[in-house]
Amino acid sequence: MLTPSLPGRPYIHSQCQSHLLVGPLGIRITFHNADVVTHLTTLSPTRPPYAFVVLAHCIWYFDTPAELSRIVATLASHATRLCLVECSLRASQSEQLPYVITALLLATIKAKCKVPSLYNIRTILTPAQIKQNVHELRKFNLVSGLTAISGGNHNGRLEAGYLLDQREKLLQEIRQDEVSEKEVAATVAIFGSLQAGVDRLG
């Protein structure tokens, strides 16, 4: 059983890793803090391919969509099956709508900024875009896909709250990067929509 570092916060990486290492599969797990492509190129060419490689909720962290293409292309010679898990950008419940707006808004803002972003959400791709990205490389064939309905989402609440707290700073950033006033006005309107959704949910 894990206890969040702070109430309502997701578990940090070190907590998750420690939990996995003391579990029944811990002896079979090795963690590598490295660029995926760089790590894969260091593997012996005679090493058997991984039965599965899982990219779980990481695509939104990539700097650009090209990062996904780079990783998938490299994985092709190191993996038998590739499993991708990512948020669908579809609100199946009204409570999820602010998170969808948050993700789209933050990705749009950071796409307008000239300075590279270190925010969590940098590259937004729908499931259809992800499939197309992988399919165009002709490295993996789609076997199956599904959409699951998730329950409570700590990340969603954190991301929406953080984005609203950073509203003025982010608006100042895009103004400094000479984004048109029309785009700034549209961004302000989306912030207003997000705030209204969060207020309604309490």
N, C-alpha and C. Protein backbone atom coordinates (compact mmCIF):
# COMPACT_ATOMS: atom_id res chain seq x y z
N MET A 1 0.85 -1.19 0.00
CA MET A 1 0.00 0.00 0.00
C MET A 1 0.89 1.24 0.00
N LEU A 2 0.62 2.16 -0.93
CA LEU A 2 1.39 3.38 -1.01
C LEU A 2 0.60 4.53 -0.39
N THR A 3 1.32 5.46 0.20
CA THR A 3 0.71 6.68 0.73
C THR A 3 1.21 7.85 -0.08
N PRO A 4 0.32 8.67 -0.68
CA PRO A 4 0.79 9.81 -1.47
C PRO A 4 1.68 10.72 -0.65
N SER A 5 2.62 11.40 -1.33
CA SER A 5 3.54 12.29 -0.64
C SER A 5 2.78 13.44 0.04
N LEU A 6 1.70 13.90 -0.57
CA LEU A 6 0.83 14.92 0.03
C LEU A 6 -0.61 14.51 -0.27
N PRO A 7 -1.55 14.86 0.59
CA PRO A 7 -2.95 14.46 0.35
C PRO A 7 -3.42 14.91 -1.02
N GLY A 8 -4.00 13.98 -1.77
CA GLY A 8 -4.53 14.31 -3.09
C GLY A 8 -3.50 14.35 -4.19
N ARG A 9 -2.24 14.11 -3.86
CA ARG A 9 -1.19 14.16 -4.87
C ARG A 9 -0.89 12.77 -5.39
N PRO A 10 -0.47 12.66 -6.67
CA PRO A 10 -0.05 11.34 -7.19
C PRO A 10 1.24 10.90 -6.52
N TYR A 11 1.55 9.63 -6.66
CA TYR A 11 2.79 9.11 -6.11
C TYR A 11 3.96 9.61 -6.94
N ILE A 12 5.09 9.90 -6.29
CA ILE A 12 6.27 10.32 -7.03
C ILE A 12 7.00 9.07 -7.51
N HIS A 13 7.91 9.26 -8.49
CA HIS A 13 8.58 8.12 -9.12
C HIS A 13 9.29 7.24 -8.11
N SER A 14 10.00 7.84 -7.18
CA SER A 14 10.78 7.03 -6.23
C SER A 14 9.86 6.15 -5.39
N GLN A 15 8.68 6.64 -5.03
CA GLN A 15 7.73 5.83 -4.26
C GLN A 15 7.24 4.64 -5.10
N CYS A 16 6.91 4.91 -6.34
CA CYS A 16 6.43 3.83 -7.22
C CYS A 16 7.51 2.78 -7.43
N GLN A 17 8.74 3.23 -7.67
CA GLN A 17 9.84 2.29 -7.91
C GLN A 17 10.10 1.44 -6.67
N SER A 18 10.11 2.07 -5.51
CA SER A 18 10.34 1.32 -4.27
C SER A 18 9.25 0.28 -4.05
N HIS A 19 8.02 0.65 -4.35
CA HIS A 19 6.89 -0.26 -4.18
C HIS A 19 7.03 -1.47 -5.11
N LEU A 20 7.44 -1.22 -6.34
CA LEU A 20 7.60 -2.32 -7.31
C LEU A 20 8.77 -3.23 -6.94
N LEU A 21 9.84 -2.65 -6.46
CA LEU A 21 11.05 -3.44 -6.17
C LEU A 21 10.86 -4.39 -5.00
N VAL A 22 9.98 -4.05 -4.05
CA VAL A 22 9.76 -4.95 -2.91
C VAL A 22 8.63 -5.94 -3.19
N GLY A 23 8.02 -5.85 -4.37
CA GLY A 23 6.95 -6.77 -4.74
C GLY A 23 7.49 -8.08 -5.28
N PRO A 24 6.59 -9.00 -5.64
CA PRO A 24 7.00 -10.33 -6.10
C PRO A 24 7.81 -10.32 -7.39
N LEU A 25 7.70 -9.27 -8.20
CA LEU A 25 8.45 -9.18 -9.45
C LEU A 25 9.68 -8.28 -9.34
N GLY A 26 9.93 -7.76 -8.14
CA GLY A 26 11.02 -6.81 -7.96
C GLY A 26 12.37 -7.31 -8.43
N ILE A 27 12.64 -8.59 -8.21
CA ILE A 27 13.94 -9.14 -8.58
C ILE A 27 14.16 -9.15 -10.09
N ARG A 28 13.07 -9.00 -10.85
CA ARG A 28 13.16 -9.04 -12.31
C ARG A 28 13.14 -7.65 -12.94
N ILE A 29 13.12 -6.62 -12.09
CA ILE A 29 12.97 -5.25 -12.60
C ILE A 29 14.28 -4.48 -12.48
N THR A 30 14.61 -3.77 -13.55
CA THR A 30 15.75 -2.85 -13.55
C THR A 30 15.29 -1.51 -14.09
N PHE A 31 15.61 -0.43 -13.40
CA PHE A 31 15.23 0.90 -13.85
C PHE A 31 16.43 1.57 -14.53
N HIS A 32 16.17 2.24 -15.65
CA HIS A 32 17.21 2.98 -16.37
C HIS A 32 16.74 4.42 -16.55
N ASN A 33 17.49 5.35 -16.02
CA ASN A 33 17.17 6.77 -16.21
C ASN A 33 17.95 7.25 -17.42
N ALA A 34 17.39 7.08 -18.60
CA ALA A 34 18.12 7.37 -19.83
C ALA A 34 17.16 7.66 -20.96
N ASP A 35 17.66 8.33 -21.99
CA ASP A 35 16.90 8.53 -23.21
C ASP A 35 16.62 7.16 -23.82
N VAL A 36 15.37 6.93 -24.22
CA VAL A 36 14.96 5.61 -24.71
C VAL A 36 15.81 5.17 -25.91
N VAL A 37 15.92 6.03 -26.90
CA VAL A 37 16.66 5.66 -28.11
C VAL A 37 18.12 5.40 -27.80
N THR A 38 18.72 6.25 -26.98
CA THR A 38 20.12 6.06 -26.61
C THR A 38 20.32 4.73 -25.90
N HIS A 39 19.41 4.41 -24.97
CA HIS A 39 19.51 3.15 -24.23
C HIS A 39 19.39 1.95 -25.17
N LEU A 40 18.44 1.99 -26.08
CA LEU A 40 18.24 0.86 -26.98
C LEU A 40 19.43 0.62 -27.89
N THR A 41 20.10 1.69 -28.30
CA THR A 41 21.25 1.53 -29.19
C THR A 41 22.46 0.93 -28.48
N THR A 42 22.42 0.89 -27.15
CA THR A 42 23.53 0.28 -26.41
C THR A 42 23.34 -1.22 -26.22
N LEU A 43 22.15 -1.75 -26.56
CA LEU A 43 21.88 -3.17 -26.38
C LEU A 43 22.60 -4.00 -27.43
N SER A 44 22.98 -5.19 -27.06
CA SER A 44 23.65 -6.09 -27.99
C SER A 44 22.72 -6.45 -29.15
N PRO A 45 23.22 -6.46 -30.37
CA PRO A 45 22.37 -6.82 -31.52
C PRO A 45 21.90 -8.27 -31.48
N THR A 46 22.55 -9.09 -30.68
CA THR A 46 22.15 -10.50 -30.58
C THR A 46 21.13 -10.73 -29.46
N ARG A 47 20.82 -9.66 -28.72
CA ARG A 47 19.88 -9.81 -27.62
C ARG A 47 18.47 -10.06 -28.17
N PRO A 48 17.73 -11.02 -27.61
CA PRO A 48 16.36 -11.26 -28.08
C PRO A 48 15.49 -10.01 -27.87
N PRO A 49 14.54 -9.76 -28.76
CA PRO A 49 13.68 -8.58 -28.59
C PRO A 49 12.78 -8.72 -27.37
N TYR A 50 12.38 -7.59 -26.81
CA TYR A 50 11.42 -7.60 -25.71
C TYR A 50 10.10 -8.15 -26.22
N ALA A 51 9.42 -8.96 -25.39
CA ALA A 51 8.10 -9.47 -25.78
C ALA A 51 7.10 -8.32 -25.87
N PHE A 52 7.19 -7.38 -24.94
CA PHE A 52 6.31 -6.21 -24.93
C PHE A 52 7.11 -4.98 -24.54
N VAL A 53 6.82 -3.87 -25.17
CA VAL A 53 7.29 -2.56 -24.72
C VAL A 53 6.04 -1.71 -24.52
N VAL A 54 5.94 -1.08 -23.35
CA VAL A 54 4.75 -0.30 -23.01
C VAL A 54 5.14 1.17 -22.85
N LEU A 55 4.49 2.03 -23.61
CA LEU A 55 4.62 3.47 -23.43
C LEU A 55 3.34 3.93 -22.75
N ALA A 56 3.40 4.16 -21.45
CA ALA A 56 2.20 4.43 -20.65
C ALA A 56 2.16 5.88 -20.20
N HIS A 57 1.18 6.61 -20.68
CA HIS A 57 0.93 8.00 -20.28
C HIS A 57 2.21 8.83 -20.30
N CYS A 58 2.91 8.79 -21.42
CA CYS A 58 4.16 9.54 -21.54
C CYS A 58 4.19 10.44 -22.77
N ILE A 59 3.32 10.21 -23.74
CA ILE A 59 3.38 10.93 -25.01
C ILE A 59 3.18 12.43 -24.80
N TRP A 60 2.31 12.80 -23.87
CA TRP A 60 2.06 14.21 -23.63
C TRP A 60 3.30 14.94 -23.10
N TYR A 61 4.27 14.19 -22.58
CA TYR A 61 5.50 14.79 -22.06
C TYR A 61 6.52 15.06 -23.17
N PHE A 62 6.33 14.48 -24.35
CA PHE A 62 7.31 14.64 -25.43
C PHE A 62 7.33 16.09 -25.91
N ASP A 63 8.52 16.56 -26.32
CA ASP A 63 8.63 17.94 -26.80
C ASP A 63 7.83 18.16 -28.08
N THR A 64 7.85 17.18 -28.98
CA THR A 64 7.15 17.29 -30.25
C THR A 64 6.61 15.91 -30.64
N PRO A 65 5.64 15.84 -31.58
CA PRO A 65 5.17 14.55 -32.06
C PRO A 65 6.28 13.72 -32.69
N ALA A 66 7.31 14.38 -33.21
CA ALA A 66 8.43 13.67 -33.84
C ALA A 66 9.15 12.76 -32.85
N GLU A 67 9.06 13.09 -31.55
CA GLU A 67 9.71 12.25 -30.53
C GLU A 67 9.09 10.86 -30.50
N LEU A 68 7.77 10.79 -30.65
CA LEU A 68 7.10 9.49 -30.69
C LEU A 68 7.57 8.69 -31.90
N SER A 69 7.68 9.35 -33.04
CA SER A 69 8.14 8.67 -34.26
C SER A 69 9.56 8.13 -34.08
N ARG A 70 10.41 8.92 -33.45
CA ARG A 70 11.80 8.52 -33.24
C ARG A 70 11.89 7.29 -32.35
N ILE A 71 11.09 7.26 -31.29
CA ILE A 71 11.11 6.13 -30.37
C ILE A 71 10.53 4.88 -31.03
N VAL A 72 9.40 5.02 -31.71
CA VAL A 72 8.77 3.87 -32.34
C VAL A 72 9.68 3.27 -33.41
N ALA A 73 10.32 4.11 -34.20
CA ALA A 73 11.21 3.62 -35.24
C ALA A 73 12.36 2.81 -34.66
N THR A 74 12.89 3.25 -33.52
CA THR A 74 13.99 2.54 -32.87
C THR A 74 13.51 1.26 -32.22
N LEU A 75 12.30 1.30 -31.66
CA LEU A 75 11.76 0.13 -30.98
C LEU A 75 11.50 -1.03 -31.93
N ALA A 76 11.31 -0.75 -33.20
CA ALA A 76 10.91 -1.78 -34.15
C ALA A 76 11.86 -2.97 -34.17
N SER A 77 13.13 -2.73 -33.98
CA SER A 77 14.10 -3.83 -33.99
C SER A 77 14.39 -4.40 -32.61
N HIS A 78 13.67 -3.91 -31.59
CA HIS A 78 13.92 -4.35 -30.22
C HIS A 78 12.68 -4.88 -29.52
N ALA A 79 11.52 -4.85 -30.18
CA ALA A 79 10.28 -5.24 -29.52
C ALA A 79 9.39 -6.05 -30.46
N THR A 80 8.76 -7.07 -29.91
CA THR A 80 7.80 -7.86 -30.67
C THR A 80 6.44 -7.17 -30.71
N ARG A 81 6.03 -6.59 -29.58
CA ARG A 81 4.75 -5.90 -29.49
C ARG A 81 4.93 -4.56 -28.79
N LEU A 82 4.23 -3.59 -29.29
CA LEU A 82 4.25 -2.25 -28.70
C LEU A 82 2.87 -1.92 -28.16
N CYS A 83 2.80 -1.56 -26.87
CA CYS A 83 1.53 -1.20 -26.24
C CYS A 83 1.56 0.28 -25.88
N LEU A 84 0.55 1.01 -26.30
CA LEU A 84 0.47 2.44 -26.04
C LEU A 84 -0.75 2.74 -25.18
N VAL A 85 -0.55 3.50 -24.12
CA VAL A 85 -1.64 3.91 -23.24
C VAL A 85 -1.57 5.42 -23.09
N GLU A 86 -2.65 6.11 -23.44
CA GLU A 86 -2.66 7.56 -23.31
C GLU A 86 -4.09 8.05 -23.13
N CYS A 87 -4.24 9.21 -22.53
CA CYS A 87 -5.58 9.80 -22.38
C CYS A 87 -6.18 10.08 -23.75
N SER A 88 -7.49 9.93 -23.85
CA SER A 88 -8.14 9.98 -25.16
C SER A 88 -8.61 11.36 -25.57
N LEU A 89 -8.51 12.35 -24.66
CA LEU A 89 -9.05 13.69 -24.91
C LEU A 89 -10.55 13.66 -25.14
N ARG A 90 -11.21 12.66 -24.58
CA ARG A 90 -12.66 12.55 -24.68
C ARG A 90 -13.23 12.45 -23.27
N ALA A 91 -14.11 13.37 -22.93
CA ALA A 91 -14.72 13.36 -21.60
C ALA A 91 -15.94 12.46 -21.62
N SER A 92 -15.83 11.29 -21.01
CA SER A 92 -16.96 10.38 -20.93
C SER A 92 -17.88 10.76 -19.78
N GLN A 93 -17.41 11.63 -18.88
CA GLN A 93 -18.21 12.13 -17.77
C GLN A 93 -17.98 13.63 -17.68
N SER A 94 -18.97 14.38 -17.22
CA SER A 94 -18.85 15.84 -17.17
C SER A 94 -17.69 16.27 -16.27
N GLU A 95 -17.38 15.47 -15.25
CA GLU A 95 -16.30 15.81 -14.33
C GLU A 95 -14.93 15.81 -15.02
N GLN A 96 -14.84 15.14 -16.16
CA GLN A 96 -13.56 15.03 -16.86
C GLN A 96 -13.32 16.18 -17.84
N LEU A 97 -14.37 16.94 -18.14
CA LEU A 97 -14.25 17.98 -19.15
C LEU A 97 -13.20 19.04 -18.82
N PRO A 98 -13.10 19.54 -17.57
CA PRO A 98 -12.05 20.52 -17.28
C PRO A 98 -10.65 20.01 -17.57
N TYR A 99 -10.41 18.70 -17.36
CA TYR A 99 -9.08 18.15 -17.64
C TYR A 99 -8.80 18.16 -19.14
N VAL A 100 -9.81 17.84 -19.94
CA VAL A 100 -9.64 17.88 -21.39
C VAL A 100 -9.32 19.30 -21.85
N ILE A 101 -10.09 20.27 -21.32
CA ILE A 101 -9.83 21.67 -21.67
C ILE A 101 -8.44 22.09 -21.21
N THR A 102 -8.05 21.68 -20.01
CA THR A 102 -6.72 22.01 -19.49
C THR A 102 -5.62 21.50 -20.40
N ALA A 103 -5.72 20.23 -20.80
CA ALA A 103 -4.69 19.63 -21.65
C ALA A 103 -4.58 20.35 -22.98
N LEU A 104 -5.71 20.62 -23.61
CA LEU A 104 -5.71 21.29 -24.90
C LEU A 104 -5.21 22.73 -24.78
N LEU A 105 -5.62 23.41 -23.72
CA LEU A 105 -5.22 24.80 -23.53
C LEU A 105 -3.73 24.92 -23.26
N LEU A 106 -3.21 24.09 -22.37
CA LEU A 106 -1.79 24.17 -22.04
C LEU A 106 -0.92 23.82 -23.25
N ALA A 107 -1.30 22.78 -23.97
CA ALA A 107 -0.53 22.39 -25.16
C ALA A 107 -0.55 23.50 -26.20
N THR A 108 -1.70 24.15 -26.36
CA THR A 108 -1.82 25.25 -27.33
C THR A 108 -0.96 26.44 -26.92
N ILE A 109 -1.00 26.77 -25.64
CA ILE A 109 -0.19 27.90 -25.15
C ILE A 109 1.29 27.63 -25.36
N LYS A 110 1.73 26.43 -24.99
CA LYS A 110 3.16 26.14 -25.11
C LYS A 110 3.60 26.01 -26.57
N ALA A 111 2.67 25.66 -27.46
CA ALA A 111 3.01 25.61 -28.88
C ALA A 111 3.25 27.01 -29.44
N LYS A 112 2.65 28.02 -28.81
CA LYS A 112 2.82 29.39 -29.27
C LYS A 112 4.10 30.03 -28.74
N CYS A 113 4.63 29.50 -27.63
CA CYS A 113 5.79 30.11 -26.98
C CYS A 113 7.08 29.74 -27.71
N LYS A 114 8.00 30.68 -27.76
CA LYS A 114 9.28 30.45 -28.44
C LYS A 114 10.26 29.67 -27.56
N VAL A 115 10.14 29.84 -26.25
CA VAL A 115 11.06 29.15 -25.33
C VAL A 115 10.56 27.72 -25.10
N PRO A 116 11.44 26.71 -25.20
CA PRO A 116 11.01 25.33 -24.95
C PRO A 116 10.37 25.18 -23.58
N SER A 117 9.34 24.35 -23.53
CA SER A 117 8.55 24.21 -22.31
C SER A 117 9.04 23.06 -21.45
N LEU A 118 8.91 23.22 -20.13
CA LEU A 118 9.18 22.14 -19.19
C LEU A 118 7.90 21.71 -18.49
N TYR A 119 6.76 22.20 -18.97
CA TYR A 119 5.48 21.81 -18.38
C TYR A 119 5.18 20.34 -18.68
N ASN A 120 4.30 19.73 -17.88
CA ASN A 120 3.96 18.32 -18.08
C ASN A 120 3.38 18.07 -19.46
N ILE A 121 2.46 18.91 -19.89
CA ILE A 121 1.77 18.69 -21.15
C ILE A 121 2.41 19.54 -22.24
N ARG A 122 3.03 18.86 -23.21
CA ARG A 122 3.72 19.58 -24.29
C ARG A 122 3.27 19.14 -25.67
N THR A 123 2.93 17.87 -25.81
CA THR A 123 2.49 17.33 -27.10
C THR A 123 1.15 16.64 -26.91
N ILE A 124 0.13 17.17 -27.56
CA ILE A 124 -1.21 16.59 -27.47
C ILE A 124 -1.52 15.83 -28.75
N LEU A 125 -1.82 14.55 -28.62
CA LEU A 125 -2.21 13.73 -29.76
C LEU A 125 -3.45 12.92 -29.37
N THR A 126 -4.42 12.84 -30.25
CA THR A 126 -5.58 11.99 -30.03
C THR A 126 -5.20 10.55 -30.32
N PRO A 127 -6.01 9.58 -29.90
CA PRO A 127 -5.73 8.18 -30.26
C PRO A 127 -5.58 7.99 -31.77
N ALA A 128 -6.41 8.68 -32.56
CA ALA A 128 -6.31 8.55 -34.02
C ALA A 128 -4.97 9.08 -34.53
N GLN A 129 -4.49 10.19 -33.96
CA GLN A 129 -3.20 10.74 -34.37
C GLN A 129 -2.06 9.80 -33.98
N ILE A 130 -2.16 9.20 -32.81
CA ILE A 130 -1.13 8.26 -32.37
C ILE A 130 -1.06 7.06 -33.30
N LYS A 131 -2.23 6.51 -33.62
CA LYS A 131 -2.28 5.37 -34.54
C LYS A 131 -1.69 5.73 -35.90
N GLN A 132 -2.05 6.91 -36.39
CA GLN A 132 -1.53 7.34 -37.68
C GLN A 132 -0.01 7.51 -37.64
N ASN A 133 0.48 8.09 -36.55
CA ASN A 133 1.91 8.29 -36.37
C ASN A 133 2.66 6.96 -36.46
N VAL A 134 2.15 5.95 -35.75
CA VAL A 134 2.80 4.64 -35.74
C VAL A 134 2.63 3.94 -37.09
N HIS A 135 1.43 4.04 -37.66
CA HIS A 135 1.14 3.36 -38.93
C HIS A 135 2.02 3.88 -40.06
N GLU A 136 2.27 5.19 -40.08
CA GLU A 136 3.06 5.78 -41.16
C GLU A 136 4.49 5.26 -41.18
N LEU A 137 4.98 4.81 -40.03
CA LEU A 137 6.35 4.28 -39.98
C LEU A 137 6.42 2.86 -40.52
N ARG A 138 5.27 2.19 -40.62
CA ARG A 138 5.19 0.82 -41.13
C ARG A 138 6.10 -0.14 -40.35
N LYS A 139 6.15 0.08 -39.03
CA LYS A 139 6.97 -0.78 -38.17
C LYS A 139 6.13 -1.76 -37.36
N PHE A 140 4.92 -1.34 -37.00
CA PHE A 140 4.02 -2.17 -36.21
C PHE A 140 2.64 -2.17 -36.87
N ASN A 141 1.94 -3.27 -36.77
CA ASN A 141 0.57 -3.37 -37.25
C ASN A 141 -0.38 -3.33 -36.07
N LEU A 142 -1.48 -2.61 -36.22
CA LEU A 142 -2.46 -2.52 -35.14
C LEU A 142 -3.20 -3.84 -34.99
N VAL A 143 -3.13 -4.42 -33.80
CA VAL A 143 -3.81 -5.67 -33.52
C VAL A 143 -5.15 -5.40 -32.84
N SER A 144 -5.15 -4.53 -31.85
CA SER A 144 -6.40 -4.20 -31.16
C SER A 144 -6.26 -2.86 -30.46
N GLY A 145 -7.38 -2.26 -30.17
CA GLY A 145 -7.40 -1.00 -29.45
C GLY A 145 -8.69 -0.87 -28.69
N LEU A 146 -8.65 -0.17 -27.57
CA LEU A 146 -9.87 0.01 -26.79
C LEU A 146 -9.79 1.32 -26.03
N THR A 147 -10.95 1.79 -25.64
CA THR A 147 -11.05 3.00 -24.82
C THR A 147 -11.71 2.62 -23.51
N ALA A 148 -11.04 2.91 -22.41
CA ALA A 148 -11.57 2.60 -21.09
C ALA A 148 -12.06 3.88 -20.43
N ILE A 149 -13.06 3.76 -19.59
CA ILE A 149 -13.57 4.90 -18.83
C ILE A 149 -12.90 4.90 -17.47
N SER A 150 -12.19 5.98 -17.17
CA SER A 150 -11.46 6.05 -15.91
C SER A 150 -12.32 6.70 -14.84
N GLY A 151 -11.92 6.48 -13.60
CA GLY A 151 -12.64 7.08 -12.49
C GLY A 151 -12.00 8.39 -12.07
N GLY A 152 -11.79 8.56 -10.77
CA GLY A 152 -11.19 9.79 -10.25
C GLY A 152 -9.79 10.00 -10.82
N ASN A 153 -9.45 11.25 -11.05
CA ASN A 153 -8.17 11.56 -11.67
C ASN A 153 -7.48 12.66 -10.88
N HIS A 154 -6.51 12.26 -10.04
CA HIS A 154 -5.75 13.25 -9.27
C HIS A 154 -5.00 14.19 -10.20
N ASN A 155 -4.39 13.64 -11.27
CA ASN A 155 -3.65 14.47 -12.21
C ASN A 155 -4.53 15.54 -12.83
N GLY A 156 -5.77 15.16 -13.16
CA GLY A 156 -6.67 16.13 -13.76
C GLY A 156 -6.92 17.32 -12.85
N ARG A 157 -7.17 17.05 -11.58
CA ARG A 157 -7.41 18.13 -10.62
C ARG A 157 -6.15 18.98 -10.44
N LEU A 158 -5.00 18.31 -10.37
CA LEU A 158 -3.75 19.05 -10.18
C LEU A 158 -3.44 19.93 -11.38
N GLU A 159 -3.58 19.35 -12.59
CA GLU A 159 -3.25 20.10 -13.81
C GLU A 159 -4.17 21.30 -13.99
N ALA A 160 -5.49 21.11 -13.76
CA ALA A 160 -6.43 22.21 -13.91
C ALA A 160 -6.15 23.31 -12.89
N GLY A 161 -5.92 22.92 -11.64
CA GLY A 161 -5.63 23.91 -10.60
C GLY A 161 -4.34 24.66 -10.87
N TYR A 162 -3.32 23.91 -11.30
CA TYR A 162 -2.02 24.55 -11.59
C TYR A 162 -2.15 25.53 -12.75
N LEU A 163 -2.86 25.11 -13.80
CA LEU A 163 -2.99 25.98 -14.97
C LEU A 163 -3.71 27.27 -14.60
N LEU A 164 -4.76 27.17 -13.81
CA LEU A 164 -5.48 28.38 -13.40
C LEU A 164 -4.63 29.28 -12.51
N ASP A 165 -3.81 28.68 -11.66
CA ASP A 165 -2.90 29.46 -10.81
C ASP A 165 -1.87 30.21 -11.65
N GLN A 166 -1.48 29.62 -12.79
CA GLN A 166 -0.44 30.19 -13.65
C GLN A 166 -1.01 31.05 -14.77
N ARG A 167 -2.31 31.34 -14.71
CA ARG A 167 -2.98 32.03 -15.82
C ARG A 167 -2.27 33.32 -16.24
N GLU A 168 -2.04 34.22 -15.31
CA GLU A 168 -1.45 35.52 -15.67
C GLU A 168 -0.02 35.35 -16.19
N LYS A 169 0.73 34.46 -15.59
CA LYS A 169 2.10 34.23 -16.05
C LYS A 169 2.11 33.71 -17.48
N LEU A 170 1.23 32.76 -17.78
CA LEU A 170 1.19 32.18 -19.12
C LEU A 170 0.71 33.19 -20.16
N LEU A 171 -0.26 34.01 -19.79
CA LEU A 171 -0.73 35.04 -20.71
C LEU A 171 0.37 36.05 -20.99
N GLN A 172 1.15 36.37 -19.96
CA GLN A 172 2.27 37.29 -20.15
C GLN A 172 3.31 36.68 -21.08
N GLU A 173 3.55 35.38 -20.95
CA GLU A 173 4.53 34.71 -21.80
C GLU A 173 4.14 34.78 -23.27
N ILE A 174 2.87 34.51 -23.58
CA ILE A 174 2.50 34.52 -25.00
C ILE A 174 2.45 35.94 -25.55
N ARG A 175 2.15 36.92 -24.68
CA ARG A 175 2.21 38.31 -25.15
C ARG A 175 3.65 38.71 -25.46
N GLN A 176 4.59 38.27 -24.62
CA GLN A 176 6.00 38.57 -24.86
C GLN A 176 6.51 37.92 -26.14
N ASP A 177 5.91 36.79 -26.50
CA ASP A 177 6.30 36.11 -27.73
C ASP A 177 5.52 36.62 -28.94
N GLU A 178 4.89 37.78 -28.76
CA GLU A 178 4.23 38.50 -29.85
C GLU A 178 3.11 37.71 -30.50
N VAL A 179 2.37 36.96 -29.67
CA VAL A 179 1.16 36.31 -30.16
C VAL A 179 0.11 37.40 -30.37
N SER A 180 -0.68 37.29 -31.42
CA SER A 180 -1.66 38.33 -31.75
C SER A 180 -2.69 38.49 -30.63
N GLU A 181 -3.24 39.70 -30.53
CA GLU A 181 -4.24 39.97 -29.51
C GLU A 181 -5.48 39.11 -29.72
N LYS A 182 -5.75 38.77 -30.97
CA LYS A 182 -6.90 37.90 -31.25
C LYS A 182 -6.69 36.53 -30.62
N GLU A 183 -5.46 36.00 -30.72
CA GLU A 183 -5.15 34.70 -30.10
C GLU A 183 -5.15 34.81 -28.58
N VAL A 184 -4.64 35.94 -28.07
CA VAL A 184 -4.64 36.15 -26.61
C VAL A 184 -6.07 36.19 -26.10
N ALA A 185 -6.95 36.89 -26.81
CA ALA A 185 -8.34 36.99 -26.40
C ALA A 185 -9.01 35.61 -26.39
N ALA A 186 -8.71 34.79 -27.41
CA ALA A 186 -9.27 33.45 -27.46
C ALA A 186 -8.76 32.61 -26.29
N THR A 187 -7.48 32.78 -25.95
CA THR A 187 -6.89 32.04 -24.83
C THR A 187 -7.55 32.45 -23.51
N VAL A 188 -7.76 33.76 -23.34
CA VAL A 188 -8.44 34.25 -22.13
C VAL A 188 -9.84 33.66 -22.03
N ALA A 189 -10.53 33.56 -23.17
CA ALA A 189 -11.88 33.00 -23.16
C ALA A 189 -11.88 31.54 -22.75
N ILE A 190 -10.88 30.78 -23.21
CA ILE A 190 -10.80 29.37 -22.84
C ILE A 190 -10.47 29.23 -21.35
N PHE A 191 -9.62 30.11 -20.85
CA PHE A 191 -9.36 30.13 -19.40
C PHE A 191 -10.67 30.35 -18.64
N GLY A 192 -11.51 31.26 -19.14
CA GLY A 192 -12.78 31.53 -18.50
C GLY A 192 -13.68 30.31 -18.50
N SER A 193 -13.70 29.60 -19.62
CA SER A 193 -14.50 28.38 -19.72
C SER A 193 -14.00 27.32 -18.74
N LEU A 194 -12.68 27.19 -18.63
CA LEU A 194 -12.10 26.23 -17.70
C LEU A 194 -12.46 26.59 -16.26
N GLN A 195 -12.33 27.87 -15.91
CA GLN A 195 -12.65 28.32 -14.56
C GLN A 195 -14.11 28.04 -14.22
N ALA A 196 -14.99 28.27 -15.20
CA ALA A 196 -16.41 28.03 -14.97
C ALA A 196 -16.68 26.55 -14.72
N GLY A 197 -16.01 25.70 -15.47
CA GLY A 197 -16.18 24.25 -15.28
C GLY A 197 -15.69 23.79 -13.93
N VAL A 198 -14.54 24.31 -13.51
CA VAL A 198 -13.99 23.95 -12.20
C VAL A 198 -14.90 24.46 -11.08
N ASP A 199 -15.40 25.69 -11.23
CA ASP A 199 -16.28 26.26 -10.21
C ASP A 199 -17.57 25.45 -10.09
N ARG A 200 -18.09 24.99 -11.20
CA ARG A 200 -19.33 24.21 -11.18
C ARG A 200 -19.14 22.89 -10.45
N LEU A 201 -17.95 22.30 -10.64
CA LEU A 201 -17.67 21.02 -9.98
C LEU A 201 -17.28 21.18 -8.52
N GLY A 202 -16.88 22.41 -8.17
CA GLY A 202 -16.49 22.64 -6.78
C GLY A 202 -15.10 22.12 -6.51
